[in-house]
C-alpha atoms as a PDB file:
ATOM      1  CA  MET A   1      -0.760  11.580   7.374  1.00  0.00           C
ATOM      2  CA  LYS A   2       0.822   9.800   4.414  1.00  0.00           C
ATOM      3  CA  ILE A   3       1.453   6.110   3.786  1.00  0.00           C
ATOM      4  CA  GLU A   4       3.715   5.216   0.873  1.00  0.00           C
ATOM      5  CA  PHE A   5       3.197   1.646  -0.293  1.00  0.00           C
ATOM      6  CA  TRP A   6       5.750   0.053  -2.621  1.00  0.00           C
ATOM      7  CA  SER A   7       4.541  -3.124  -4.290  1.00  0.00           C
ATOM      8  CA  ASP A   8       4.489  -5.222  -7.423  1.00  0.00           C
ATOM      9  CA  ILE A   9       1.274  -6.457  -8.949  1.00  0.00           C
ATOM     10  CA  VAL A  10       2.550 -10.070  -9.046  1.00  0.00           C
ATOM     11  CA  CYS A  11       3.620 -10.131  -5.380  1.00  0.00           C
ATOM     12  CA  PRO A  12       1.058 -12.178  -3.387  1.00  0.00           C
ATOM     13  CA  TYR A  13       2.050 -10.574  -0.098  1.00  0.00           C
ATOM     14  CA  CYS A  14       1.486  -7.155  -1.720  1.00  0.00           C
ATOM     15  CA  GLY A  15      -2.069  -7.965  -2.754  1.00  0.00           C
ATOM     16  CA  LEU A  16      -2.761  -9.246   0.742  1.00  0.00           C
ATOM     17  CA  MET A  17      -1.268  -6.107   2.312  1.00  0.00           C
ATOM     18  CA  ASP A  18      -3.383  -3.893   0.062  1.00  0.00           C
ATOM     19  CA  HIS A  19      -6.445  -5.657   1.471  1.00  0.00           C
ATOM     20  CA  ARG A  20      -5.173  -5.359   5.046  1.00  0.00           C
ATOM     21  CA  LEU A  21      -4.458  -1.679   4.579  1.00  0.00           C
ATOM     22  CA  HIS A  22      -8.081  -1.121   3.569  1.00  0.00           C
ATOM     23  CA  LEU A  23      -9.231  -3.067   6.632  1.00  0.00           C
ATOM     24  CA  ALA A  24      -6.916  -1.162   8.981  1.00  0.00           C
ATOM     25  CA  LEU A  25      -7.941   2.256   7.668  1.00  0.00           C
ATOM     26  CA  ASP A  26     -11.615   1.313   7.962  1.00  0.00           C
ATOM     27  CA  ARG A  27     -10.974   0.712  11.664  1.00  0.00           C
ATOM     28  CA  PHE A  28      -8.840   3.822  12.171  1.00  0.00           C
ATOM     29  CA  PRO A  29     -10.885   6.803  13.456  1.00  0.00           C
ATOM     30  CA  TYR A  30      -9.027   9.237  11.193  1.00  0.00           C
ATOM     31  CA  GLY A  31      -8.806   6.969   8.161  1.00  0.00           C
ATOM     32  CA  ASP A  32     -10.326   9.612   5.907  1.00  0.00           C
ATOM     33  CA  GLN A  33      -7.352  11.856   6.717  1.00  0.00           C
ATOM     34  CA  VAL A  34      -4.736   9.290   5.658  1.00  0.00           C
ATOM     35  CA  GLU A  35      -3.339   9.586   2.152  1.00  0.00           C
ATOM     36  CA  VAL A  36      -2.168   6.302   0.618  1.00  0.00           C
ATOM     37  CA  ILE A  37       0.375   6.683  -2.170  1.00  0.00           C
ATOM     38  CA  HIS A  38       1.124   3.558  -4.192  1.00  0.00           C
ATOM     39  CA  ARG A  39       4.613   3.289  -5.622  1.00  0.00           C
ATOM     40  CA  SER A  40       6.109   0.812  -8.039  1.00  0.00           C
ATOM     41  CA  ILE A  41       8.710  -1.850  -7.510  1.00  0.00           C
ATOM     42  CA  GLN A  42       9.293  -4.608 -10.079  1.00  0.00           C
ATOM     43  CA  LEU A  43      10.357  -8.016  -8.854  1.00  0.00           C
ATOM     44  CA  HIS A  44      10.720  -9.882 -12.161  1.00  0.00           C
ATOM     45  CA  PRO A  45      11.298  -7.328 -14.944  1.00  0.00           C
ATOM     46  CA  ASP A  46      13.151  -9.849 -17.140  1.00  0.00           C
ATOM     47  CA  LEU A  47      10.391 -12.422 -17.453  1.00  0.00           C
ATOM     48  CA  PRO A  48       9.126 -13.100 -20.999  1.00  0.00           C
ATOM     49  CA  CYS A  49       5.959 -11.347 -22.122  1.00  0.00           C
ATOM     50  CA  GLU A  50       4.222 -14.680 -22.670  1.00  0.00           C
ATOM     51  CA  GLY A  51       4.652 -15.269 -18.957  1.00  0.00           C
ATOM     52  CA  VAL A  52       5.708 -18.246 -16.879  1.00  0.00           C
ATOM     53  CA  SER A  53       3.732 -20.224 -14.347  1.00  0.00           C
ATOM     54  CA  GLN A  54       4.370 -19.730 -10.648  1.00  0.00           C
ATOM     55  CA  ARG A  55       5.701 -23.291 -10.419  1.00  0.00           C
ATOM     56  CA  GLU A  56       8.080 -22.671 -13.348  1.00  0.00           C
ATOM     57  CA  LEU A  57       9.327 -19.486 -11.696  1.00  0.00           C
ATOM     58  CA  ILE A  58      10.090 -21.394  -8.508  1.00  0.00           C
ATOM     59  CA  GLN A  59      12.191 -23.826 -10.534  1.00  0.00           C
ATOM     60  CA  LEU A  60      13.934 -21.037 -12.467  1.00  0.00           C
ATOM     61  CA  ALA A  61      14.828 -19.301  -9.200  1.00  0.00           C
ATOM     62  CA  GLY A  62      16.257 -22.485  -7.771  1.00  0.00           C
ATOM     63  CA  ALA A  63      13.836 -22.369  -4.846  1.00  0.00           C
ATOM     64  CA  PRO A  64      12.736 -25.643  -3.262  1.00  0.00           C
ATOM     65  CA  ALA A  65       9.534 -27.258  -4.497  1.00  0.00           C
ATOM     66  CA  THR A  66       8.231 -27.020  -0.927  1.00  0.00           C
ATOM     67  CA  THR A  67       7.834 -23.255  -1.497  1.00  0.00           C
ATOM     68  CA  VAL A  68       4.314 -23.888  -2.773  1.00  0.00           C
ATOM     69  CA  ASP A  69       3.082 -25.614   0.391  1.00  0.00           C
ATOM     70  CA  ARG A  70       5.353 -23.791   2.827  1.00  0.00           C
ATOM     71  CA  VAL A  71       4.868 -20.199   1.597  1.00  0.00           C
ATOM     72  CA  LEU A  72       2.243 -19.742  -1.108  1.00  0.00           C
ATOM     73  CA  ARG A  73      -0.612 -21.941   0.094  1.00  0.00           C
ATOM     74  CA  PRO A  74      -0.514 -20.278   3.550  1.00  0.00           C
ATOM     75  CA  ILE A  75      -0.899 -16.897   1.807  1.00  0.00           C
ATOM     76  CA  GLU A  76      -4.008 -18.198   0.067  1.00  0.00           C
ATOM     77  CA  ARG A  77      -5.416 -19.501   3.341  1.00  0.00           C
ATOM     78  CA  ALA A  78      -4.695 -16.207   5.103  1.00  0.00           C
ATOM     79  CA  ALA A  79      -6.437 -14.280   2.323  1.00  0.00           C
ATOM     80  CA  GLU A  80      -9.494 -16.517   2.545  1.00  0.00           C
ATOM     81  CA  ALA A  81      -9.635 -16.148   6.316  1.00  0.00           C
ATOM     82  CA  GLU A  82      -9.585 -12.366   5.898  1.00  0.00           C
ATOM     83  CA  GLY A  83     -12.373 -12.267   3.329  1.00  0.00           C
ATOM     84  CA  LEU A  84     -10.177 -11.948   0.244  1.00  0.00           C
ATOM     85  CA  THR A  85     -11.345 -14.739  -1.994  1.00  0.00           C
ATOM     86  CA  PRO A  86     -10.646 -16.198  -4.463  1.00  0.00           C
ATOM     87  CA  TYR A  87      -6.930 -15.561  -4.134  1.00  0.00           C
ATOM     88  CA  ARG A  88      -4.581 -17.488  -6.413  1.00  0.00           C
ATOM     89  CA  ALA A  89      -0.981 -17.274  -5.268  1.00  0.00           C
ATOM     90  CA  VAL A  90      -0.021 -20.567  -6.968  1.00  0.00           C
ATOM     91  CA  ASP A  91      -2.195 -21.254  -9.992  1.00  0.00           C
ATOM     92  CA  ARG A  92      -1.323 -18.211 -12.072  1.00  0.00           C
ATOM     93  CA  THR A  93       1.135 -16.859 -14.621  1.00  0.00           C
ATOM     94  CA  LEU A  94       3.741 -14.184 -13.893  1.00  0.00           C
ATOM     95  CA  GLY A  95       5.312 -11.789 -16.356  1.00  0.00           C
ATOM     96  CA  PRO A  96       7.030  -8.398 -16.641  1.00  0.00           C
ATOM     97  CA  THR A  97       4.978  -5.660 -14.998  1.00  0.00           C
ATOM     98  CA  ASP A  98       6.532  -2.529 -16.488  1.00  0.00           C
ATOM     99  CA  LEU A  99       3.494  -1.660 -18.625  1.00  0.00           C
ATOM    100  CA  ALA A 100       1.116  -2.477 -15.791  1.00  0.00           C
ATOM    101  CA  HIS A 101       2.983  -0.057 -13.522  1.00  0.00           C
ATOM    102  CA  GLU A 102       2.955   2.629 -16.202  1.00  0.00           C
ATOM    103  CA  LEU A 103      -0.814   2.261 -16.505  1.00  0.00           C
ATOM    104  CA  LEU A 104      -1.087   2.533 -12.715  1.00  0.00           C
ATOM    105  CA  ALA A 105       0.927   5.765 -12.813  1.00  0.00           C
ATOM    106  CA  TYR A 106      -1.446   7.084 -15.481  1.00  0.00           C
ATOM    107  CA  ALA A 107      -4.431   6.087 -13.328  1.00  0.00           C
ATOM    108  CA  THR A 108      -2.897   7.955 -10.398  1.00  0.00           C
ATOM    109  CA  ASP A 109      -2.711  11.116 -12.501  1.00  0.00           C
ATOM    110  CA  GLN A 110      -6.403  10.600 -13.279  1.00  0.00           C
ATOM    111  CA  GLY A 111      -7.188  10.600  -9.552  1.00  0.00           C
ATOM    112  CA  ARG A 112      -7.936   6.871  -9.478  1.00  0.00           C
ATOM    113  CA  GLY A 113      -4.621   5.414  -8.364  1.00  0.00           C
ATOM    114  CA  ASN A 114      -5.639   3.578  -5.188  1.00  0.00           C
ATOM    115  CA  GLU A 115      -8.808   2.239  -6.763  1.00  0.00           C
ATOM    116  CA  ILE A 116      -7.016   0.893  -9.838  1.00  0.00           C
ATOM    117  CA  TRP A 117      -4.170  -0.641  -7.826  1.00  0.00           C
ATOM    118  CA  THR A 118      -6.724  -2.630  -5.836  1.00  0.00           C
ATOM    119  CA  ALA A 119      -8.623  -3.581  -8.987  1.00  0.00           C
ATOM    120  CA  MET A 120      -5.421  -4.826 -10.624  1.00  0.00           C
ATOM    121  CA  PHE A 121      -4.514  -6.928  -7.593  1.00  0.00           C
ATOM    122  CA  ARG A 122      -7.995  -8.434  -7.706  1.00  0.00           C
ATOM    123  CA  ALA A 123      -7.771  -9.092 -11.436  1.00  0.00           C
ATOM    124  CA  HIS A 124      -4.438 -10.886 -11.125  1.00  0.00           C
ATOM    125  CA  PHE A 125      -4.883 -12.801  -7.885  1.00  0.00           C
ATOM    126  CA  GLY A 126      -8.642 -13.207  -8.057  1.00  0.00           C
ATOM    127  CA  HIS A 127      -8.828 -14.278 -11.686  1.00  0.00           C
ATOM    128  CA  ALA A 128      -5.214 -15.183 -12.589  1.00  0.00           C
ATOM    129  CA  ARG A 129      -5.271 -12.298 -15.073  1.00  0.00           C
ATOM    130  CA  LYS A 130      -2.238 -11.834 -17.349  1.00  0.00           C
ATOM    131  CA  LEU A 131      -1.136  -8.190 -17.510  1.00  0.00           C
ATOM    132  CA  TRP A 132       2.202  -8.347 -19.309  1.00  0.00           C
ATOM    133  CA  THR A 133       1.566  -6.994 -22.820  1.00  0.00           C
ATOM    134  CA  ALA A 134       0.153  -3.670 -23.964  1.00  0.00           C
ATOM    135  CA  ALA A 135      -2.969  -5.409 -25.292  1.00  0.00           C
ATOM    136  CA  GLU A 136      -3.583  -7.181 -21.968  1.00  0.00           C
ATOM    137  CA  VAL A 137      -3.027  -4.022 -19.943  1.00  0.00           C
ATOM    138  CA  LEU A 138      -5.267  -1.930 -22.201  1.00  0.00           C
ATOM    139  CA  ASP A 139      -8.041  -4.534 -22.013  1.00  0.00           C
ATOM    140  CA  PHE A 140      -7.886  -4.197 -18.248  1.00  0.00           C
ATOM    141  CA  ALA A 141      -7.877  -0.382 -18.519  1.00  0.00           C
ATOM    142  CA  ALA A 142     -11.075  -0.466 -20.553  1.00  0.00           C
ATOM    143  CA  GLU A 143     -12.752  -2.798 -18.070  1.00  0.00           C
ATOM    144  CA  VAL A 144     -12.080  -0.460 -15.126  1.00  0.00           C
ATOM    145  CA  GLY A 145     -13.298   2.576 -17.035  1.00  0.00           C
ATOM    146  CA  LEU A 146     -10.053   4.374 -17.800  1.00  0.00           C
ATOM    147  CA  ASP A 147     -10.093   6.506 -20.941  1.00  0.00           C
ATOM    148  CA  PRO A 148      -9.033   4.118 -23.734  1.00  0.00           C
ATOM    149  CA  ALA A 149      -7.286   6.779 -25.812  1.00  0.00           C
ATOM    150  CA  GLY A 150      -5.495   8.262 -22.818  1.00  0.00           C
ATOM    151  CA  ALA A 151      -4.360   4.872 -21.554  1.00  0.00           C
ATOM    152  CA  ALA A 152      -3.150   3.839 -25.014  1.00  0.00           C
ATOM    153  CA  GLU A 153      -1.196   7.067 -25.435  1.00  0.00           C
ATOM    154  CA  ALA A 154       0.383   6.655 -21.994  1.00  0.00           C
ATOM    155  CA  LEU A 155       1.664   3.188 -22.849  1.00  0.00           C
ATOM    156  CA  GLU A 156       2.681   3.992 -26.414  1.00  0.00           C
ATOM    157  CA  SER A 157       4.644   7.108 -25.451  1.00  0.00           C
ATOM    158  CA  ARG A 158       6.184   5.387 -22.388  1.00  0.00           C
ATOM    159  CA  ARG A 159       5.958   8.761 -20.637  1.00  0.00           C
ATOM    160  CA  TYR A 160       5.539   7.100 -17.238  1.00  0.00           C
ATOM    161  CA  ARG A 161       8.566   4.844 -17.555  1.00  0.00           C
ATOM    162  CA  ALA A 162      10.816   7.375 -15.788  1.00  0.00           C
ATOM    163  CA  ARG A 163       8.389   7.699 -12.851  1.00  0.00           C
ATOM    164  CA  VAL A 164       8.229   3.933 -12.408  1.00  0.00           C
ATOM    165  CA  ALA A 165      12.027   3.740 -12.468  1.00  0.00           C
ATOM    166  CA  ALA A 166      12.264   6.604  -9.953  1.00  0.00           C
ATOM    167  CA  ASP A 167       9.963   4.724  -7.572  1.00  0.00           C
ATOM    168  CA  GLN A 168      12.257   1.720  -7.767  1.00  0.00           C
ATOM    169  CA  ARG A 169      15.365   3.817  -7.074  1.00  0.00           C
ATOM    170  CA  GLU A 170      13.703   5.489  -4.096  1.00  0.00           C
ATOM    171  CA  ALA A 171      12.740   2.098  -2.656  1.00  0.00           C
ATOM    172  CA  ASN A 172      16.346   0.973  -2.963  1.00  0.00           C
ATOM    173  CA  ARG A 173      17.568   4.194  -1.346  1.00  0.00           C
ATOM    174  CA  LEU A 174      15.265   3.649   1.613  1.00  0.00           C
ATOM    175  CA  GLY A 175      16.600   0.133   2.092  1.00  0.00           C
ATOM    176  CA  ALA A 176      13.857  -1.962   0.511  1.00  0.00           C
ATOM    177  CA  HIS A 177      15.059  -5.407  -0.524  1.00  0.00           C
ATOM    178  CA  GLY A 178      11.714  -6.585  -1.827  1.00  0.00           C
ATOM    179  CA  ALA A 179       7.991  -5.984  -1.582  1.00  0.00           C
ATOM    180  CA  PRO A 180       5.769  -5.003   0.080  1.00  0.00           C
ATOM    181  CA  PHE A 181       7.546  -2.025   1.640  1.00  0.00           C
ATOM    182  CA  LEU A 182       5.571   0.648   3.489  1.00  0.00           C
ATOM    183  CA  VAL A 183       6.709   4.014   4.833  1.00  0.00           C
ATOM    184  CA  PHE A 184       4.550   5.892   7.329  1.00  0.00           C
ATOM    185  CA  ASP A 185       4.882   9.677   7.237  1.00  0.00           C
ATOM    186  CA  GLY A 186       8.605   9.296   6.621  1.00  0.00           C
ATOM    187  CA  ARG A 187       8.935   8.098  10.242  1.00  0.00           C
ATOM    188  CA  PHE A 188       8.681   4.322  10.117  1.00  0.00           C
ATOM    189  CA  ALA A 189       9.376   1.701   7.461  1.00  0.00           C
ATOM    190  CA  VAL A 190       7.707  -1.713   7.444  1.00  0.00           C
ATOM    191  CA  PRO A 191       9.393  -4.238   5.133  1.00  0.00           C
ATOM    192  CA  GLY A 192       7.214  -7.225   4.347  1.00  0.00           C
ATOM    193  CA  ALA A 193       3.680  -8.206   5.245  1.00  0.00           C
ATOM    194  CA  ILE A 194       2.268  -7.769   8.746  1.00  0.00           C
ATOM    195  CA  GLY A 195      -1.172  -8.514  10.173  1.00  0.00           C
ATOM    196  CA  THR A 196      -4.047  -6.052  10.162  1.00  0.00           C
ATOM    197  CA  ASP A 197      -3.843  -5.466  13.932  1.00  0.00           C
ATOM    198  CA  ASP A 198      -0.106  -4.740  13.727  1.00  0.00           C
ATOM    199  CA  LEU A 199      -0.674  -2.496  10.723  1.00  0.00           C
ATOM    200  CA  LEU A 200      -3.322  -0.549  12.626  1.00  0.00           C
ATOM    201  CA  ALA A 201      -0.898  -0.200  15.559  1.00  0.00           C
ATOM    202  CA  VAL A 202       1.758   1.340  13.290  1.00  0.00           C
ATOM    203  CA  ILE A 203      -0.808   3.714  11.770  1.00  0.00           C
ATOM    204  CA  THR A 204      -2.003   4.734  15.233  1.00  0.00           C
ATOM    205  CA  ARG A 205       1.524   5.294  16.536  1.00  0.00           C
ATOM    206  CA  THR A 206       2.468   7.365  13.495  1.00  0.00           C
ATOM    207  CA  TRP A 207      -0.672   9.478  13.815  1.00  0.00           C
ATOM    208  CA  THR A 208      -0.141  10.021  17.556  1.00  0.00           C
ATOM    209  CA  GLU A 209       3.460  11.157  17.086  1.00  0.00           C
ATOM    210  CA  SER A 210       2.579  13.571  14.288  1.00  0.00           C
ATOM    211  CA  HIS A 211      -0.638  14.805  15.929  1.00  0.00           C
ATOM    212  CA  PRO A 212       0.261  15.172  19.623  1.00  0.00           C
ATOM    213  CA  THR A 213      -2.594  15.927  22.006  1.00  0.00           C
ATOM    214  CA  PRO A 214      -2.196  19.463  23.440  1.00  0.00           C
ATOM    215  CA  GLN A 215      -1.286  19.298  27.121  1.00  0.00           C
ATOM    216  CA  PRO A 216      -2.302  21.894  29.750  1.00  0.00           C
ATOM    217  CA  LEU A 217       0.453  24.205  30.962  1.00  0.00           C
ATOM    218  CA  PRO A 218       1.920  23.616  34.426  1.00  0.00           C
ATOM    219  CA  VAL A 219       0.059  25.634  37.089  1.00  0.00           C
ATOM    220  CA  VAL A 220       2.065  27.965  39.333  1.00  0.00           C
ATOM    221  CA  GLY A 221       0.202  29.464  42.308  1.00  0.00           C
ATOM    222  CA  GLY A 222      -3.437  29.100  43.297  1.00  0.00           C
ATOM    223  CA  THR A 223      -6.783  30.218  41.989  1.00  0.00           C
ATOM    224  CA  GLU A 224      -7.250  33.328  44.158  1.00  0.00           C
ATOM    225  CA  GLY A 225      -8.383  36.432  42.328  1.00  0.00           C
ATOM    226  CA  MET A 226     -10.002  34.461  39.520  1.00  0.00           C
ATOM    227  CA  CYS A 227     -13.468  34.667  38.060  1.00  0.00           C
ATOM    228  CA  THR A 228     -15.186  31.541  36.776  1.00  0.00           C
ATOM    229  CA  PRO A 229     -18.723  30.799  35.600  1.00  0.00           C
ATOM    230  CA  ASP A 230     -19.513  30.106  39.263  1.00  0.00           C
ATOM    231  CA  GLY A 231     -18.362  33.538  40.439  1.00  0.00           C
ATOM    232  CA  CYS A 232     -15.214  35.363  41.527  1.00  0.00           C
ATOM    233  CA  ALA A 233     -12.817  34.329  44.275  1.00  0.00           C
ATOM    234  CA  VAL A 234     -11.460  36.992  46.606  1.00  0.00           C
ATOM    235  CA  PRO A 235      -7.661  37.090  46.728  1.00  0.00           C
ATOM    236  CA  ASP A 236      -6.198  35.856  49.996  1.00  0.00           C
ATOM    237  CA  PRO A 237      -4.156  38.759  51.412  1.00  0.00           C
ATOM    238  CA  GLY A 238      -1.977  36.363  53.327  1.00  0.00           C
ATOM    239  CA  HIS A 239      -1.103  34.344  50.254  1.00  0.00           C
ATOM    240  CA  SER A 240       2.319  35.023  48.809  1.00  0.00           C
END
């Protein structure tokens, strides 16, 4: 079974959903047979590389000041209640994530994609880490044990830029209008964040539909003339 998970590293709902996905798969009996594929979607590609604060971004977007208390603080409280702490959805800086996504694509090719996605969410939301410039992204790469030369070459050559852009186009094609956006085995799409129990229910339903339990064939006639471990039954001559 395959779960495709579109997200941006600066999206607080995305970091929370990454955590919930881990929790749900830990509870799912066949979690070790589920492949999670992270895909990129960029929410604020035009932000300056020096970054802007979350409060400044709210003002720039023309959103009401109540967004902090009405939307972002509840995300922080939900994360804390679910064991994801610290989690800074308000007191942080946001910036363009193109280089961060290109590093994540490189990490995926190194077989460490899911691990590094989670580590990057924790770096940003747990420690308000800035990941907007090549230097910032490469510092993070070194800390998580990615090959420094390989990571530097990946960012300098921009050889993953096309893959990141392709992820974004595919999200748009599938009808994503934001992040997070999850697709389960190509059968179901979940736009936005849902709770761990609901996430587990979608995983279970997807698994059940793609792994149906074999059903016994309908029985026609009786059991006369059959041998079992308990012996053989004599056919009933009058049975037709």
